[in-house]
Amino acid sequence: MESENDFAHRLNEDGTIDSICLHCFITVATANSVTGLLKSEECHQCADSPLLKHTDGGHSEDRAKIIKWPETLPDDL
């Protein structure tokens, strides 16, 4: 089981809570309580993602690519 610190919890407007993996940034589960998230967090295995850098099969501290936004955005956005 991964430790509690491997997931961030976000409260949604409807009162539900999202569990987000801090390694692969996937929303692992949404539930009505933190205890409802525990089983999904225990079972979660990070999938390979182009946003991740893996070294020796583990998680790297430098795992996310930096995306730069353009200086100006088109008017139709």
PDB file of N, CA and C in Angstrom:
ATOM      1  N   MET A   1       0.842  -1.190   0.000  1.00  0.00           N
ATOM      2  CA  MET A   1       0.000   0.000   0.000  1.00  0.00           C
ATOM      3  C   MET A   1       0.880   1.244   0.000  1.00  0.00           C
ATOM      4  N   GLU A   2       0.522   2.207  -0.806  1.00  0.00           N
ATOM      5  CA  GLU A   2       1.253   3.468  -0.807  1.00  0.00           C
ATOM      6  C   GLU A   2       0.814   4.284   0.407  1.00  0.00           C
ATOM      7  N   SER A   3       1.695   5.129   0.870  1.00  0.00           N
ATOM      8  CA  SER A   3       1.369   5.938   2.041  1.00  0.00           C
ATOM      9  C   SER A   3       0.347   7.008   1.689  1.00  0.00           C
ATOM     10  N   GLU A   4      -0.266   7.570   2.727  1.00  0.00           N
ATOM     11  CA  GLU A   4      -1.267   8.621   2.530  1.00  0.00           C
ATOM     12  C   GLU A   4      -0.693   9.797   1.758  1.00  0.00           C
ATOM     13  N   ASN A   5       0.602  10.045   1.902  1.00  0.00           N
ATOM     14  CA  ASN A   5       1.218  11.203   1.265  1.00  0.00           C
ATOM     15  C   ASN A   5       1.403  11.042  -0.239  1.00  0.00           C
ATOM     16  N   ASP A   6       1.086   9.870  -0.781  1.00  0.00           N
ATOM     17  CA  ASP A   6       1.208   9.659  -2.213  1.00  0.00           C
ATOM     18  C   ASP A   6      -0.020  10.134  -2.973  1.00  0.00           C
ATOM     19  N   PHE A   7      -1.026  10.622  -2.252  1.00  0.00           N
ATOM     20  CA  PHE A   7      -2.265  11.068  -2.876  1.00  0.00           C
ATOM     21  C   PHE A   7      -2.676  12.424  -2.318  1.00  0.00           C
ATOM     22  N   ALA A   8      -3.200  13.249  -3.206  1.00  0.00           N
ATOM     23  CA  ALA A   8      -3.790  14.523  -2.795  1.00  0.00           C
ATOM     24  C   ALA A   8      -5.304  14.347  -2.842  1.00  0.00           C
ATOM     25  N   HIS A   9      -5.995  14.989  -1.932  1.00  0.00           N
ATOM     26  CA  HIS A   9      -7.451  14.929  -1.910  1.00  0.00           C
ATOM     27  C   HIS A   9      -8.003  16.312  -2.221  1.00  0.00           C
ATOM     28  N   ARG A  10      -8.967  16.324  -3.132  1.00  0.00           N
ATOM     29  CA  ARG A  10      -9.579  17.592  -3.554  1.00  0.00           C
ATOM     30  C   ARG A  10     -11.077  17.509  -3.308  1.00  0.00           C
ATOM     31  N   LEU A  11     -11.617  18.498  -2.614  1.00  0.00           N
ATOM     32  CA  LEU A  11     -13.049  18.564  -2.344  1.00  0.00           C
ATOM     33  C   LEU A  11     -13.747  19.210  -3.539  1.00  0.00           C
ATOM     34  N   ASN A  12     -14.752  18.539  -4.049  1.00  0.00           N
ATOM     35  CA  ASN A  12     -15.519  19.041  -5.192  1.00  0.00           C
ATOM     36  C   ASN A  12     -16.735  19.829  -4.714  1.00  0.00           C
ATOM     37  N   GLU A  13     -17.291  20.627  -5.599  1.00  0.00           N
ATOM     38  CA  GLU A  13     -18.447  21.464  -5.249  1.00  0.00           C
ATOM     39  C   GLU A  13     -19.647  20.647  -4.784  1.00  0.00           C
ATOM     40  N   ASP A  14     -19.777  19.418  -5.300  1.00  0.00           N
ATOM     41  CA  ASP A  14     -20.921  18.584  -4.919  1.00  0.00           C
ATOM     42  C   ASP A  14     -20.693  17.819  -3.615  1.00  0.00           C
ATOM     43  N   GLY A  15     -19.555  18.062  -2.954  1.00  0.00           N
ATOM     44  CA  GLY A  15     -19.267  17.415  -1.685  1.00  0.00           C
ATOM     45  C   GLY A  15     -18.467  16.130  -1.800  1.00  0.00           C
ATOM     46  N   THR A  16     -18.272  15.640  -3.011  1.00  0.00           N
ATOM     47  CA  THR A  16     -17.445  14.446  -3.185  1.00  0.00           C
ATOM     48  C   THR A  16     -15.969  14.817  -3.093  1.00  0.00           C
ATOM     49  N   ILE A  17     -15.139  13.804  -2.943  1.00  0.00           N
ATOM     50  CA  ILE A  17     -13.698  14.012  -2.789  1.00  0.00           C
ATOM     51  C   ILE A  17     -12.971  13.211  -3.859  1.00  0.00           C
ATOM     52  N   ASP A  18     -12.035  13.849  -4.550  1.00  0.00           N
ATOM     53  CA  ASP A  18     -11.191  13.174  -5.534  1.00  0.00           C
ATOM     54  C   ASP A  18      -9.880  12.789  -4.879  1.00  0.00           C
ATOM     55  N   SER A  19      -9.357  11.632  -5.251  1.00  0.00           N
ATOM     56  CA  SER A  19      -8.030  11.206  -4.831  1.00  0.00           C
ATOM     57  C   SER A  19      -7.137  11.260  -6.066  1.00  0.00           C
ATOM     58  N   ILE A  20      -6.046  12.026  -5.984  1.00  0.00           N
ATOM     59  CA  ILE A  20      -5.159  12.227  -7.119  1.00  0.00           C
ATOM     60  C   ILE A  20      -3.786  11.686  -6.768  1.00  0.00           C
ATOM     61  N   CYS A  21      -3.266  10.799  -7.611  1.00  0.00           N
ATOM     62  CA  CYS A  21      -1.943  10.235  -7.396  1.00  0.00           C
ATOM     63  C   CYS A  21      -0.900  11.320  -7.660  1.00  0.00           C
ATOM     64  N   LEU A  22      -0.004  11.515  -6.712  1.00  0.00           N
ATOM     65  CA  LEU A  22       1.018  12.548  -6.851  1.00  0.00           C
ATOM     66  C   LEU A  22       2.215  12.085  -7.676  1.00  0.00           C
ATOM     67  N   HIS A  23       2.160  10.851  -8.173  1.00  0.00           N
ATOM     68  CA  HIS A  23       3.229  10.351  -9.039  1.00  0.00           C
ATOM     69  C   HIS A  23       2.829  10.428 -10.509  1.00  0.00           C
ATOM     70  N   CYS A  24       1.617   9.967 -10.834  1.00  0.00           N
ATOM     71  CA  CYS A  24       1.196   9.956 -12.242  1.00  0.00           C
ATOM     72  C   CYS A  24       0.092  10.974 -12.532  1.00  0.00           C
ATOM     73  N   PHE A  25      -0.408  11.650 -11.497  1.00  0.00           N
ATOM     74  CA  PHE A  25      -1.388  12.734 -11.612  1.00  0.00           C
ATOM     75  C   PHE A  25      -2.741  12.289 -12.159  1.00  0.00           C
ATOM     76  N   ILE A  26      -3.048  11.012 -12.019  1.00  0.00           N
ATOM     77  CA  ILE A  26      -4.347  10.487 -12.433  1.00  0.00           C
ATOM     78  C   ILE A  26      -5.308  10.599 -11.255  1.00  0.00           C
ATOM     79  N   THR A  27      -6.570  10.945 -11.531  1.00  0.00           N
ATOM     80  CA  THR A  27      -7.591  10.890 -10.498  1.00  0.00           C
ATOM     81  C   THR A  27      -7.928   9.421 -10.298  1.00  0.00           C
ATOM     82  N   VAL A  28      -7.559   8.902  -9.144  1.00  0.00           N
ATOM     83  CA  VAL A  28      -7.685   7.487  -8.848  1.00  0.00           C
ATOM     84  C   VAL A  28      -9.126   7.115  -8.512  1.00  0.00           C
ATOM     85  N   ALA A  29      -9.809   7.981  -7.790  1.00  0.00           N
ATOM     86  CA  ALA A  29     -11.181   7.684  -7.379  1.00  0.00           C
ATOM     87  C   ALA A  29     -11.883   8.958  -6.938  1.00  0.00           C
ATOM     88  N   THR A  30     -13.204   8.883  -6.936  1.00  0.00           N
ATOM     89  CA  THR A  30     -14.053   9.935  -6.381  1.00  0.00           C
ATOM     90  C   THR A  30     -15.026   9.245  -5.441  1.00  0.00           C
ATOM     91  N   ALA A  31     -15.166   9.786  -4.243  1.00  0.00           N
ATOM     92  CA  ALA A  31     -16.045   9.169  -3.244  1.00  0.00           C
ATOM     93  C   ALA A  31     -16.680  10.242  -2.377  1.00  0.00           C
ATOM     94  N   ASN A  32     -17.602   9.810  -1.540  1.00  0.00           N
ATOM     95  CA  ASN A  32     -18.296  10.727  -0.625  1.00  0.00           C
ATOM     96  C   ASN A  32     -17.534  10.960   0.672  1.00  0.00           C
ATOM     97  N   SER A  33     -16.497  10.148   0.927  1.00  0.00           N
ATOM     98  CA  SER A  33     -15.700  10.300   2.138  1.00  0.00           C
ATOM     99  C   SER A  33     -14.275   9.833   1.862  1.00  0.00           C
ATOM    100  N   VAL A  34     -13.352  10.268   2.705  1.00  0.00           N
ATOM    101  CA  VAL A  34     -11.955   9.859   2.555  1.00  0.00           C
ATOM    102  C   VAL A  34     -11.828   8.349   2.708  1.00  0.00           C
ATOM    103  N   THR A  35     -12.590   7.765   3.614  1.00  0.00           N
ATOM    104  CA  THR A  35     -12.520   6.310   3.786  1.00  0.00           C
ATOM    105  C   THR A  35     -12.982   5.574   2.535  1.00  0.00           C
ATOM    106  N   GLY A  36     -13.857   6.195   1.762  1.00  0.00           N
ATOM    107  CA  GLY A  36     -14.303   5.605   0.503  1.00  0.00           C
ATOM    108  C   GLY A  36     -13.217   5.598  -0.568  1.00  0.00           C
ATOM    109  N   LEU A  37     -12.162   6.371  -0.376  1.00  0.00           N
ATOM    110  CA  LEU A  37     -11.068   6.439  -1.339  1.00  0.00           C
ATOM    111  C   LEU A  37      -9.971   5.408  -1.055  1.00  0.00           C
ATOM    112  N   LEU A  38      -9.918   4.911   0.167  1.00  0.00           N
ATOM    113  CA  LEU A  38      -8.793   4.088   0.608  1.00  0.00           C
ATOM    114  C   LEU A  38      -8.571   2.841  -0.233  1.00  0.00           C
ATOM    115  N   LYS A  39      -9.618   2.099  -0.573  1.00  0.00           N
ATOM    116  CA  LYS A  39      -9.465   0.863  -1.348  1.00  0.00           C
ATOM    117  C   LYS A  39      -8.855   1.160  -2.716  1.00  0.00           C
ATOM    118  N   SER A  40      -9.335   2.201  -3.379  1.00  0.00           N
ATOM    119  CA  SER A  40      -8.793   2.565  -4.697  1.00  0.00           C
ATOM    120  C   SER A  40      -7.344   3.003  -4.588  1.00  0.00           C
ATOM    121  N   GLU A  41      -7.010   3.736  -3.528  1.00  0.00           N
ATOM    122  CA  GLU A  41      -5.628   4.159  -3.330  1.00  0.00           C
ATOM    123  C   GLU A  41      -4.722   2.964  -3.066  1.00  0.00           C
ATOM    124  N   GLU A  42      -5.205   1.993  -2.307  1.00  0.00           N
ATOM    125  CA  GLU A  42      -4.422   0.794  -2.021  1.00  0.00           C
ATOM    126  C   GLU A  42      -4.142  -0.012  -3.277  1.00  0.00           C
ATOM    127  N   CYS A  43      -5.092  -0.055  -4.202  1.00  0.00           N
ATOM    128  CA  CYS A  43      -4.977  -0.873  -5.410  1.00  0.00           C
ATOM    129  C   CYS A  43      -4.304  -0.149  -6.574  1.00  0.00           C
ATOM    130  N   HIS A  44      -4.145   1.151  -6.463  1.00  0.00           N
ATOM    131  CA  HIS A  44      -3.635   1.942  -7.588  1.00  0.00           C
ATOM    132  C   HIS A  44      -2.204   1.572  -7.955  1.00  0.00           C
ATOM    133  N   GLN A  45      -1.987   1.401  -9.256  1.00  0.00           N
ATOM    134  CA  GLN A  45      -0.646   1.247  -9.815  1.00  0.00           C
ATOM    135  C   GLN A  45      -0.518   2.278 -10.918  1.00  0.00           C
ATOM    136  N   CYS A  46       0.533   3.060 -10.873  1.00  0.00           N
ATOM    137  CA  CYS A  46       0.728   4.100 -11.875  1.00  0.00           C
ATOM    138  C   CYS A  46       0.897   3.485 -13.262  1.00  0.00           C
ATOM    139  N   ALA A  47       0.215   4.042 -14.226  1.00  0.00           N
ATOM    140  CA  ALA A  47       0.376   3.632 -15.613  1.00  0.00           C
ATOM    141  C   ALA A  47       1.472   4.477 -16.242  1.00  0.00           C
ATOM    142  N   ASP A  48       2.112   3.936 -17.277  1.00  0.00           N
ATOM    143  CA  ASP A  48       3.108   4.737 -17.982  1.00  0.00           C
ATOM    144  C   ASP A  48       2.408   5.914 -18.633  1.00  0.00           C
ATOM    145  N   SER A  49       3.003   7.052 -18.531  1.00  0.00           N
ATOM    146  CA  SER A  49       2.447   8.270 -19.077  1.00  0.00           C
ATOM    147  C   SER A  49       3.558   9.059 -19.731  1.00  0.00           C
ATOM    148  N   PRO A  50       3.279   9.733 -20.848  1.00  0.00           N
ATOM    149  CA  PRO A  50       4.322  10.551 -21.464  1.00  0.00           C
ATOM    150  C   PRO A  50       4.756  11.715 -20.577  1.00  0.00           C
ATOM    151  N   LEU A  51       3.984  12.022 -19.536  1.00  0.00           N
ATOM    152  CA  LEU A  51       4.352  13.108 -18.636  1.00  0.00           C
ATOM    153  C   LEU A  51       5.335  12.658 -17.560  1.00  0.00           C
ATOM    154  N   LEU A  52       5.572  11.353 -17.479  1.00  0.00           N
ATOM    155  CA  LEU A  52       6.428  10.832 -16.423  1.00  0.00           C
ATOM    156  C   LEU A  52       7.794  10.462 -16.955  1.00  0.00           C
ATOM    157  N   LYS A  53       8.791  10.595 -16.096  1.00  0.00           N
ATOM    158  CA  LYS A  53      10.121  10.087 -16.368  1.00  0.00           C
ATOM    159  C   LYS A  53      10.369   8.998 -15.338  1.00  0.00           C
ATOM    160  N   HIS A  54      10.627   7.774 -15.785  1.00  0.00           N
ATOM    161  CA  HIS A  54      10.902   6.692 -14.853  1.00  0.00           C
ATOM    162  C   HIS A  54      12.394   6.401 -14.866  1.00  0.00           C
ATOM    163  N   THR A  55      12.964   6.226 -13.714  1.00  0.00           N
ATOM    164  CA  THR A  55      14.351   5.808 -13.604  1.00  0.00           C
ATOM    165  C   THR A  55      14.382   4.571 -12.738  1.00  0.00           C
ATOM    166  N   ASP A  56      14.948   3.515 -13.260  1.00  0.00           N
ATOM    167  CA  ASP A  56      15.032   2.243 -12.539  1.00  0.00           C
ATOM    168  C   ASP A  56      13.651   1.756 -12.093  1.00  0.00           C
ATOM    169  N   GLY A  57      12.611   2.063 -12.892  1.00  0.00           N
ATOM    170  CA  GLY A  57      11.270   1.601 -12.580  1.00  0.00           C
ATOM    171  C   GLY A  57      10.584   2.350 -11.458  1.00  0.00           C
ATOM    172  N   GLY A  58      11.242   3.327 -10.878  1.00  0.00           N
ATOM    173  CA  GLY A  58      10.660   4.081  -9.764  1.00  0.00           C
ATOM    174  C   GLY A  58      10.181   5.437 -10.213  1.00  0.00           C
ATOM    175  N   HIS A  59       9.832   6.232  -9.260  1.00  0.00           N
ATOM    176  CA  HIS A  59       9.359   7.583  -9.552  1.00  0.00           C
ATOM    177  C   HIS A  59      10.513   8.559  -9.402  1.00  0.00           C
ATOM    178  N   SER A  60      10.633   9.432 -10.346  1.00  0.00           N
ATOM    179  CA  SER A  60      11.675  10.448 -10.306  1.00  0.00           C
ATOM    180  C   SER A  60      11.097  11.724  -9.721  1.00  0.00           C
ATOM    181  N   GLU A  61      11.893  12.458  -8.983  1.00  0.00           N
ATOM    182  CA  GLU A  61      11.436  13.747  -8.463  1.00  0.00           C
ATOM    183  C   GLU A  61      11.140  14.708  -9.609  1.00  0.00           C
ATOM    184  N   ASP A  62      11.840  14.558 -10.718  1.00  0.00           N
ATOM    185  CA  ASP A  62      11.640  15.398 -11.891  1.00  0.00           C
ATOM    186  C   ASP A  62      10.785  14.618 -12.874  1.00  0.00           C
ATOM    187  N   ARG A  63       9.490  14.419 -12.550  1.00  0.00           N
ATOM    188  CA  ARG A  63       8.674  13.512 -13.328  1.00  0.00           C
ATOM    189  C   ARG A  63       7.739  14.184 -14.324  1.00  0.00           C
ATOM    190  N   ALA A  64       7.544  15.477 -14.225  1.00  0.00           N
ATOM    191  CA  ALA A  64       6.622  16.146 -15.133  1.00  0.00           C
ATOM    192  C   ALA A  64       7.377  17.098 -16.044  1.00  0.00           C
ATOM    193  N   LYS A  65       6.979  17.079 -17.311  1.00  0.00           N
ATOM    194  CA  LYS A  65       7.573  18.023 -18.239  1.00  0.00           C
ATOM    195  C   LYS A  65       6.960  19.396 -18.014  1.00  0.00           C
ATOM    196  N   ILE A  66       7.730  20.408 -18.212  1.00  0.00           N
ATOM    197  CA  ILE A  66       7.225  21.771 -18.086  1.00  0.00           C
ATOM    198  C   ILE A  66       6.642  22.179 -19.432  1.00  0.00           C
ATOM    199  N   ILE A  67       5.414  22.631 -19.406  1.00  0.00           N
ATOM    200  CA  ILE A  67       4.741  23.069 -20.628  1.00  0.00           C
ATOM    201  C   ILE A  67       4.687  24.581 -20.592  1.00  0.00           C
ATOM    202  N   LYS A  68       5.228  25.200 -21.618  1.00  0.00           N
ATOM    203  CA  LYS A  68       5.205  26.665 -21.677  1.00  0.00           C
ATOM    204  C   LYS A  68       4.024  27.120 -22.528  1.00  0.00           C
ATOM    205  N   TRP A  69       3.281  28.076 -22.001  1.00  0.00           N
ATOM    206  CA  TRP A  69       2.167  28.644 -22.738  1.00  0.00           C
ATOM    207  C   TRP A  69       2.698  29.706 -23.686  1.00  0.00           C
ATOM    208  N   PRO A  70       2.027  29.920 -24.811  1.00  0.00           N
ATOM    209  CA  PRO A  70       2.469  30.961 -25.745  1.00  0.00           C
ATOM    210  C   PRO A  70       2.353  32.349 -25.102  1.00  0.00           C
ATOM    211  N   GLU A  71       3.166  33.257 -25.583  1.00  0.00           N
ATOM    212  CA  GLU A  71       3.145  34.635 -25.067  1.00  0.00           C
ATOM    213  C   GLU A  71       1.770  35.271 -25.238  1.00  0.00           C
ATOM    214  N   THR A  72       1.143  35.035 -26.373  1.00  0.00           N
ATOM    215  CA  THR A  72      -0.199  35.576 -26.630  1.00  0.00           C
ATOM    216  C   THR A  72      -1.099  34.439 -27.076  1.00  0.00           C
ATOM    217  N   LEU A  73      -2.364  34.530 -26.733  1.00  0.00           N
ATOM    218  CA  LEU A  73      -3.329  33.535 -27.128  1.00  0.00           C
ATOM    219  C   LEU A  73      -4.235  34.095 -28.223  1.00  0.00           C
ATOM    220  N   PRO A  74      -4.734  33.220 -29.103  1.00  0.00           N
ATOM    221  CA  PRO A  74      -5.660  33.694 -30.144  1.00  0.00           C
ATOM    222  C   PRO A  74      -6.912  34.286 -29.507  1.00  0.00           C
ATOM    223  N   ASP A  75      -7.531  35.242 -30.185  1.00  0.00           N
ATOM    224  CA  ASP A  75      -8.726  35.911 -29.677  1.00  0.00           C
ATOM    225  C   ASP A  75      -9.934  34.993 -29.558  1.00  0.00           C
ATOM    226  N   ASP A  76      -9.969  33.908 -30.337  1.00  0.00           N
ATOM    227  CA  ASP A  76     -11.154  33.040 -30.359  1.00  0.00           C
ATOM    228  C   ASP A  76     -11.149  31.991 -29.246  1.00  0.00           C
ATOM    229  N   LEU A  77     -10.256  32.072 -28.277  1.00  0.00           N
ATOM    230  CA  LEU A  77     -10.263  31.104 -27.177  1.00  0.00           C
ATOM    231  C   LEU A  77     -11.224  31.513 -26.140  1.00  0.00           C
TER     232      LEU A  77
END
